[in-house]
Protein backbone atom coordinates (compact mmCIF):
# COMPACT_ATOMS: atom_id res chain seq x y z
CA MET A 1 104.87 -94.95 53.17
CA LEU A 2 108.49 -94.28 52.27
CA PRO A 3 109.57 -90.61 52.06
CA LEU A 4 109.87 -89.24 48.53
CA MET A 5 113.67 -89.33 48.54
CA LEU A 6 113.79 -92.98 49.60
CA ARG A 7 111.04 -93.96 47.18
CA SER A 8 112.87 -92.11 44.41
CA ALA A 9 116.12 -93.90 45.21
CA ALA A 10 114.37 -97.27 45.27
CA VAL A 11 112.71 -96.66 41.92
CA LEU A 12 115.97 -95.41 40.45
CA LEU A 13 117.86 -98.49 41.59
CA SER A 14 115.19 -100.79 40.18
CA LEU A 15 115.55 -99.06 36.81
CA LEU A 16 119.30 -99.45 36.88
CA LEU A 17 119.07 -103.17 37.66
CA VAL A 18 116.86 -104.10 34.69
CA PRO A 19 118.58 -106.99 32.88
CA THR A 20 119.43 -106.72 29.18
CA VAL A 21 119.94 -109.36 26.51
CA LEU A 22 122.00 -107.06 24.29
CA GLY A 23 125.01 -106.65 26.56
CA GLN A 24 125.45 -103.36 28.35
CA PRO A 25 123.69 -100.62 26.35
CA ARG A 26 124.96 -97.04 26.34
CA ILE A 27 123.24 -93.76 27.18
CA ALA A 28 124.54 -90.23 26.56
CA ILE A 29 123.09 -87.51 28.78
CA VAL A 30 123.10 -83.99 27.31
CA ILE A 31 122.23 -80.97 29.46
CA ASP A 32 120.85 -78.13 27.30
CA ASP A 33 120.31 -74.42 27.93
CA LEU A 34 123.45 -73.88 30.01
CA GLY A 35 125.13 -70.52 30.38
CA HIS A 36 122.60 -68.11 31.84
CA HIS A 37 123.28 -68.60 35.55
CA VAL A 38 126.28 -69.20 37.77
CA ASP A 39 124.48 -72.10 39.49
CA HIS A 40 124.78 -74.05 36.23
CA HIS A 41 128.35 -74.76 37.34
CA ALA A 42 126.92 -77.53 39.54
CA PHE A 43 126.46 -79.63 36.40
CA THR A 44 130.16 -79.35 35.58
CA GLU A 45 130.96 -80.89 38.98
CA LEU A 46 129.07 -84.12 38.32
CA GLU A 47 131.30 -87.18 38.10
CA LEU A 48 129.00 -88.72 35.50
CA PRO A 49 129.98 -88.30 31.83
CA VAL A 50 127.44 -85.57 31.04
CA THR A 51 127.74 -83.62 27.78
CA LEU A 52 127.19 -79.93 28.44
CA ALA A 53 125.33 -77.98 25.76
CA ILE A 54 126.23 -74.33 26.37
CA MET A 55 124.44 -71.40 24.74
CA PRO A 56 127.32 -69.42 23.20
CA PHE A 57 126.18 -65.87 23.84
CA THR A 58 125.24 -66.19 27.51
CA ARG A 59 127.07 -64.52 30.39
CA GLN A 60 128.49 -67.72 31.85
CA ALA A 61 129.31 -69.46 28.57
CA GLU A 62 133.08 -69.18 28.61
CA ALA A 63 133.41 -69.78 32.36
CA LEU A 64 131.21 -72.86 32.14
CA ALA A 65 133.22 -74.22 29.23
CA ALA A 66 136.43 -73.72 31.22
CA ALA A 67 134.92 -75.49 34.24
CA ALA A 68 133.70 -78.34 32.02
CA ASN A 69 137.21 -78.69 30.60
CA ASN A 70 138.68 -78.79 34.11
CA HIS A 71 136.34 -81.67 34.96
CA ALA A 72 137.03 -83.42 31.62
CA HIS A 73 133.42 -83.03 30.45
CA GLU A 74 132.48 -82.73 26.79
CA VAL A 75 131.04 -79.41 25.55
CA VAL A 76 128.79 -78.75 22.59
CA ILE A 77 127.44 -75.47 21.26
CA HIS A 78 123.72 -75.18 21.98
CA MET A 79 122.97 -72.96 19.00
CA PRO A 80 119.83 -70.77 19.08
CA MET A 81 117.72 -71.27 15.95
CA GLN A 82 114.42 -69.81 14.76
CA ARG A 83 111.31 -71.57 15.99
CA GLU A 84 107.89 -71.85 14.36
CA GLN A 85 105.62 -68.80 14.44
CA HIS A 86 108.46 -66.56 15.57
CA ASP A 87 109.27 -64.06 12.85
CA VAL A 88 111.25 -61.49 14.82
CA GLN A 89 114.91 -61.35 13.86
CA GLU A 90 117.17 -61.64 16.89
CA GLN A 91 120.90 -61.16 17.30
CA GLY A 92 122.74 -64.41 17.95
CA VAL A 93 119.95 -66.58 16.51
CA LEU A 94 120.16 -68.42 13.20
CA ASP A 95 117.02 -67.47 11.28
CA ARG A 96 115.56 -67.27 7.80
CA PHE A 97 116.17 -63.50 7.63
CA ASP A 98 119.94 -64.03 7.56
CA SER A 99 121.93 -63.80 4.39
CA LYS A 100 124.47 -66.59 4.01
CA ALA A 101 127.20 -64.19 5.15
CA GLN A 102 125.21 -63.20 8.26
CA PHE A 103 124.43 -66.84 9.02
CA ILE A 104 128.09 -67.85 8.83
CA ALA A 105 129.18 -64.80 10.84
CA THR A 106 126.80 -65.74 13.68
CA LEU A 107 128.17 -69.29 13.66
CA ALA A 108 131.75 -68.00 13.63
CA ALA A 109 131.02 -65.87 16.69
CA ALA A 110 129.62 -68.92 18.47
CA PHE A 111 132.68 -71.01 17.58
CA SER A 112 134.96 -68.26 18.87
CA ARG A 113 133.17 -68.19 22.25
CA LEU A 114 133.41 -71.98 22.68
CA PRO A 115 136.49 -73.03 20.72
CA ASN A 116 136.86 -76.38 22.49
CA ALA A 117 133.34 -77.58 21.64
CA LYS A 118 133.20 -81.03 20.04
CA GLY A 119 129.88 -80.51 18.29
CA LEU A 120 126.68 -78.53 18.03
CA ASN A 121 122.98 -79.10 18.68
CA ASN A 122 119.98 -76.87 18.10
CA HIS A 123 118.24 -74.74 20.72
CA GLN A 124 114.59 -74.55 19.61
CA GLY A 125 114.82 -74.33 15.80
CA SER A 126 111.57 -75.97 14.74
CA GLN A 127 111.48 -73.65 11.71
CA MET A 128 115.21 -73.50 11.00
CA THR A 129 115.94 -77.24 11.19
CA ALA A 130 113.32 -77.80 8.47
CA ALA A 131 115.00 -75.28 6.09
CA ALA A 132 117.09 -77.09 3.48
CA GLU A 133 119.29 -74.20 2.34
CA GLN A 134 120.23 -73.07 5.84
CA MET A 135 120.88 -76.62 7.04
CA ASN A 136 123.32 -77.05 4.17
CA TRP A 137 125.06 -73.83 5.21
CA LEU A 138 125.31 -75.15 8.76
CA MET A 139 126.68 -78.55 7.82
CA ALA A 140 129.29 -77.05 5.52
CA GLU A 141 130.62 -75.04 8.47
CA LEU A 142 130.55 -78.01 10.85
CA ARG A 143 132.37 -80.20 8.36
CA GLN A 144 135.06 -77.58 7.86
CA ARG A 145 135.65 -77.50 11.63
CA GLY A 146 135.41 -81.27 12.19
CA LEU A 147 132.43 -80.98 14.55
CA TYR A 148 129.55 -83.38 15.03
CA PHE A 149 125.83 -82.55 15.04
CA LEU A 150 123.03 -83.65 17.34
CA ASP A 151 119.46 -83.10 16.14
CA SER A 152 117.44 -82.18 19.22
CA ARG A 153 114.30 -82.95 17.18
CA THR A 154 112.02 -80.13 18.24
CA THR A 155 109.85 -80.81 15.18
CA ALA A 156 108.93 -83.91 13.19
CA ALA A 157 109.68 -81.85 10.04
CA THR A 158 113.40 -81.56 10.81
CA ILE A 159 115.85 -82.44 8.05
CA ALA A 160 118.92 -81.53 10.09
CA GLU A 161 120.13 -85.04 10.84
CA GLN A 162 119.49 -86.14 7.25
CA THR A 163 121.46 -83.16 5.94
CA ALA A 164 124.34 -83.91 8.30
CA GLN A 165 124.44 -87.47 6.95
CA GLN A 166 124.58 -86.14 3.40
CA TRP A 167 127.62 -84.09 4.40
CA SER A 168 129.22 -87.16 6.06
CA ILE A 169 129.16 -85.41 9.43
CA PRO A 170 129.01 -87.60 12.56
CA THR A 171 125.43 -87.20 13.76
CA ASN A 172 122.57 -88.65 15.75
CA ARG A 173 119.27 -87.60 17.30
CA ARG A 174 117.63 -87.07 20.65
CA HIS A 175 115.48 -89.98 21.78
CA VAL A 176 114.09 -88.77 25.12
CA PHE A 177 113.54 -85.40 26.77
CA LEU A 178 114.27 -86.19 30.40
CA ASP A 179 112.50 -83.37 32.21
CA ASN A 180 109.69 -81.82 30.18
CA GLU A 181 107.77 -82.40 33.40
CA PRO A 182 110.29 -81.32 36.06
CA THR A 183 109.37 -83.64 38.90
CA LEU A 184 111.46 -86.50 40.23
CA GLU A 185 108.78 -89.09 39.48
CA ALA A 186 108.36 -87.90 35.89
CA ILE A 187 112.13 -87.79 35.33
CA GLU A 188 112.47 -91.32 36.66
CA ALA A 189 109.74 -92.48 34.25
CA GLN A 190 111.55 -90.83 31.32
CA TRP A 191 114.81 -92.41 32.41
CA GLN A 192 113.13 -95.81 32.41
CA ARG A 193 111.95 -95.09 28.87
CA ALA A 194 115.52 -94.22 27.86
CA VAL A 195 116.88 -97.42 29.44
CA LEU A 196 114.34 -99.51 27.50
CA ILE A 197 115.22 -97.76 24.24
CA ALA A 198 118.91 -98.37 24.92
CA GLN A 199 118.27 -102.02 25.68
CA ASN A 200 116.28 -102.43 22.46
CA GLN A 201 118.73 -100.72 20.08
CA GLY A 202 121.98 -100.64 22.03
CA TYR A 203 122.03 -96.93 22.91
CA ALA A 204 119.91 -93.85 23.61
CA ILE A 205 120.47 -90.09 23.73
CA VAL A 206 118.74 -88.16 26.50
CA ILE A 207 118.38 -84.38 26.78
CA GLY A 208 117.80 -82.67 30.12
CA HIS A 209 117.82 -79.09 31.33
CA PRO A 210 119.48 -77.22 34.22
CA TYR A 211 116.66 -77.68 36.73
CA GLU A 212 117.35 -78.35 40.40
CA VAL A 213 115.34 -81.57 40.23
CA THR A 214 117.33 -82.74 37.19
CA LEU A 215 120.56 -82.13 39.08
CA GLU A 216 119.12 -84.05 42.04
CA PHE A 217 118.26 -86.99 39.79
CA LEU A 218 121.74 -87.03 38.25
CA GLN A 219 123.33 -86.91 41.70
CA GLN A 220 121.27 -89.97 42.66
CA LEU A 221 122.34 -91.65 39.43
CA GLN A 222 125.94 -90.86 40.29
CA ALA A 223 125.54 -92.43 43.73
CA ALA A 224 124.14 -95.70 42.34
CA SER A 225 126.93 -98.27 42.26
CA VAL A 226 125.29 -100.80 39.88
CA GLN A 227 123.96 -99.73 36.49
CA ALA A 228 122.34 -101.64 33.64
CA VAL A 229 123.64 -99.05 31.19
CA GLU A 230 127.00 -97.51 30.44
CA LEU A 231 126.95 -93.73 30.54
CA VAL A 232 129.06 -92.15 27.80
CA TYR A 233 129.77 -88.78 26.26
CA LEU A 234 127.78 -87.85 23.18
CA SER A 235 130.79 -88.21 20.89
CA ALA A 236 130.68 -91.97 21.55
CA LEU A 237 127.26 -92.21 19.90
CA VAL A 238 127.21 -89.71 17.04
CA SER A 239 128.54 -92.18 14.48
CA VAL A 240 125.92 -94.78 15.38
CA ASN A 241 123.26 -95.37 12.74
CA SER A 242 120.20 -93.34 13.63
CA SER A 243 117.09 -94.96 15.01
CA PRO A 244 113.47 -94.32 13.95
CA ALA A 245 112.36 -90.78 14.68
CA PRO A 246 110.81 -90.12 18.09
CA SER A 247 107.66 -88.09 18.39
CA ALA A 248 108.11 -84.33 18.15
CA SER A 249 108.20 -82.44 21.41
CA THR A 250 107.39 -78.93 22.46
CA GLU A 251 110.37 -76.56 22.34
């Protein structure tokens, strides 16, 4: 039996060589939850066009953004938002306890930490992204700054993408979580799912997390010389008409 690494590489290559009848589809890879640890810098060194979603109030946020800029990677603000069944107010988190002034002040602080960000997506937020008033507050601020919005879709009840469309903000949604099960085999299966979605509709948006195994997978992807998909930054896909909603996933 082939060793795991060789089997993984073989499976990966077979996924990349799947033919498509739609021309070369595009996939944007977003890495969420960045900023807590110095080892997250490894993701900035990838030669793939990965979009780095940095949590604005973490210790490494500004250094990671600078490293991403040096490697010409795109940065988005990974904005903490209130999740379901969590009613404790927290600093640096957009929640239903905030007045409009507090809400906007928290956003302004995030923008000031990551001034070169091209857009914003939600960290958690299953309660907040379903709140109409607060989503309108958010989109007004994004429109004023010319930023796009990615709905991570942590709940089927989200109205965030719909609200962004109403504000004429470039937007789209997550189609696949790459590494909810952080094993190489599971990640490869999710990647195959993303490739099929991209082949069916022309594109897909994938969200991963700063796990060692996710980095390993992306390094293998980087080493593959033939691909059935074009990897792009998220900004290339946010103006694309949104696809049918994927199933909700655990935050």
